[in-house]
Amino acid sequence: MALIACGELAAAVNMAAAKDRAPAQAVPTAFEMQLYYADRTWNWADGAAYFAQDRRLRAWTAKPDSTSIAEGR
């Protein structure tokens, strides 16, 4: 009888701890990241970047003495 009561107490403690815990955050998949960022543009003071629907990233920056362009997949 004592063993059953001990088991019930342990279950109650575990349930209370589970309620206090925040839900686990799922890590997004590569596909989900592509859906989120596709067809988006980022602008900054001296350049910009664009993540196209075809999953290609194009970025460029220009300063008085130099210009840089990058393209990746």
C-alpha atoms as a PDB file:
ATOM      1  CA  MET A   1       0.000   0.000   0.000  1.00  0.00           C
ATOM      2  CA  ALA A   2       2.831   2.387   0.870  1.00  0.00           C
ATOM      3  CA  LEU A   3       4.452   1.664  -2.481  1.00  0.00           C
ATOM      4  CA  ILE A   4       1.299   2.708  -4.363  1.00  0.00           C
ATOM      5  CA  ALA A   5       1.046   5.939  -2.355  1.00  0.00           C
ATOM      6  CA  CYS A   6       4.710   6.671  -3.047  1.00  0.00           C
ATOM      7  CA  GLY A   7       4.149   6.143  -6.782  1.00  0.00           C
ATOM      8  CA  GLU A   8       1.123   8.445  -6.780  1.00  0.00           C
ATOM      9  CA  LEU A   9       3.111  11.116  -4.961  1.00  0.00           C
ATOM     10  CA  ALA A  10       5.945  10.879  -7.492  1.00  0.00           C
ATOM     11  CA  ALA A  11       3.470  11.191 -10.380  1.00  0.00           C
ATOM     12  CA  ALA A  12       1.887  14.268  -8.796  1.00  0.00           C
ATOM     13  CA  VAL A  13       5.297  15.901  -8.328  1.00  0.00           C
ATOM     14  CA  ASN A  14       6.259  15.187 -11.962  1.00  0.00           C
ATOM     15  CA  MET A  15       2.974  16.611 -13.242  1.00  0.00           C
ATOM     16  CA  ALA A  16       3.437  19.792 -11.201  1.00  0.00           C
ATOM     17  CA  ALA A  17       6.985  20.208 -12.508  1.00  0.00           C
ATOM     18  CA  ALA A  18       5.796  19.721 -16.093  1.00  0.00           C
ATOM     19  CA  LYS A  19       3.216  22.501 -15.686  1.00  0.00           C
ATOM     20  CA  ASP A  20       5.911  24.943 -14.510  1.00  0.00           C
ATOM     21  CA  ARG A  21       8.199  24.198 -17.432  1.00  0.00           C
ATOM     22  CA  ALA A  22       7.953  26.245 -20.620  1.00  0.00           C
ATOM     23  CA  PRO A  23       7.177  24.220 -23.754  1.00  0.00           C
ATOM     24  CA  ALA A  24      10.223  23.085 -25.708  1.00  0.00           C
ATOM     25  CA  GLN A  25      10.977  25.258 -28.717  1.00  0.00           C
ATOM     26  CA  ALA A  26      11.248  23.366 -31.985  1.00  0.00           C
ATOM     27  CA  VAL A  27      14.176  24.165 -34.234  1.00  0.00           C
ATOM     28  CA  PRO A  28      12.937  25.197 -37.697  1.00  0.00           C
ATOM     29  CA  THR A  29      13.917  22.975 -40.602  1.00  0.00           C
ATOM     30  CA  ALA A  30      15.821  24.275 -43.633  1.00  0.00           C
ATOM     31  CA  PHE A  31      12.558  24.217 -45.586  1.00  0.00           C
ATOM     32  CA  GLU A  32      10.775  26.291 -42.936  1.00  0.00           C
ATOM     33  CA  MET A  33      13.632  28.810 -42.890  1.00  0.00           C
ATOM     34  CA  GLN A  34      13.442  29.094 -46.684  1.00  0.00           C
ATOM     35  CA  LEU A  35       9.690  29.739 -46.489  1.00  0.00           C
ATOM     36  CA  TYR A  36      10.241  32.428 -43.865  1.00  0.00           C
ATOM     37  CA  TYR A  37      13.080  34.302 -45.608  1.00  0.00           C
ATOM     38  CA  ALA A  38      12.209  33.765 -49.301  1.00  0.00           C
ATOM     39  CA  ASP A  39      11.497  36.901 -51.314  1.00  0.00           C
ATOM     40  CA  ARG A  40      12.809  39.221 -48.565  1.00  0.00           C
ATOM     41  CA  THR A  41      15.134  42.197 -48.817  1.00  0.00           C
ATOM     42  CA  TRP A  42      17.375  43.711 -46.148  1.00  0.00           C
ATOM     43  CA  ASN A  43      18.682  47.251 -46.562  1.00  0.00           C
ATOM     44  CA  TRP A  44      21.403  48.960 -44.578  1.00  0.00           C
ATOM     45  CA  ALA A  45      23.253  52.262 -44.900  1.00  0.00           C
ATOM     46  CA  ASP A  46      25.711  51.167 -47.595  1.00  0.00           C
ATOM     47  CA  GLY A  47      24.211  48.030 -49.145  1.00  0.00           C
ATOM     48  CA  ALA A  48      21.453  45.469 -49.310  1.00  0.00           C
ATOM     49  CA  ALA A  49      20.733  41.754 -49.557  1.00  0.00           C
ATOM     50  CA  TYR A  50      17.945  39.795 -51.217  1.00  0.00           C
ATOM     51  CA  PHE A  51      16.945  36.167 -50.615  1.00  0.00           C
ATOM     52  CA  ALA A  52      15.097  35.051 -53.749  1.00  0.00           C
ATOM     53  CA  GLN A  53      12.371  32.418 -54.155  1.00  0.00           C
ATOM     54  CA  ASP A  54      14.934  30.160 -55.886  1.00  0.00           C
ATOM     55  CA  ARG A  55      16.962  30.098 -52.606  1.00  0.00           C
ATOM     56  CA  ARG A  56      19.763  32.328 -53.922  1.00  0.00           C
ATOM     57  CA  LEU A  57      21.119  35.086 -51.722  1.00  0.00           C
ATOM     58  CA  ARG A  58      22.434  38.207 -53.424  1.00  0.00           C
ATOM     59  CA  ALA A  59      24.153  40.941 -51.429  1.00  0.00           C
ATOM     60  CA  TRP A  60      26.033  44.092 -52.287  1.00  0.00           C
ATOM     61  CA  THR A  61      27.687  46.924 -50.486  1.00  0.00           C
ATOM     62  CA  ALA A  62      29.319  50.115 -51.698  1.00  0.00           C
ATOM     63  CA  LYS A  63      31.657  52.466 -49.888  1.00  0.00           C
ATOM     64  CA  PRO A  64      33.562  55.386 -51.368  1.00  0.00           C
ATOM     65  CA  ASP A  65      36.690  53.273 -51.952  1.00  0.00           C
ATOM     66  CA  SER A  66      35.231  49.819 -52.572  1.00  0.00           C
ATOM     67  CA  THR A  67      32.266  47.884 -53.856  1.00  0.00           C
ATOM     68  CA  SER A  68      31.484  44.258 -53.021  1.00  0.00           C
ATOM     69  CA  ILE A  69      28.968  41.880 -54.532  1.00  0.00           C
ATOM     70  CA  ALA A  70      28.190  38.366 -53.299  1.00  0.00           C
ATOM     71  CA  GLU A  71      25.918  35.659 -54.579  1.00  0.00           C
ATOM     72  CA  GLY A  72      25.335  32.313 -52.955  1.00  0.00           C
ATOM     73  CA  ARG A  73      23.100  29.357 -52.708  1.00  0.00           C
END
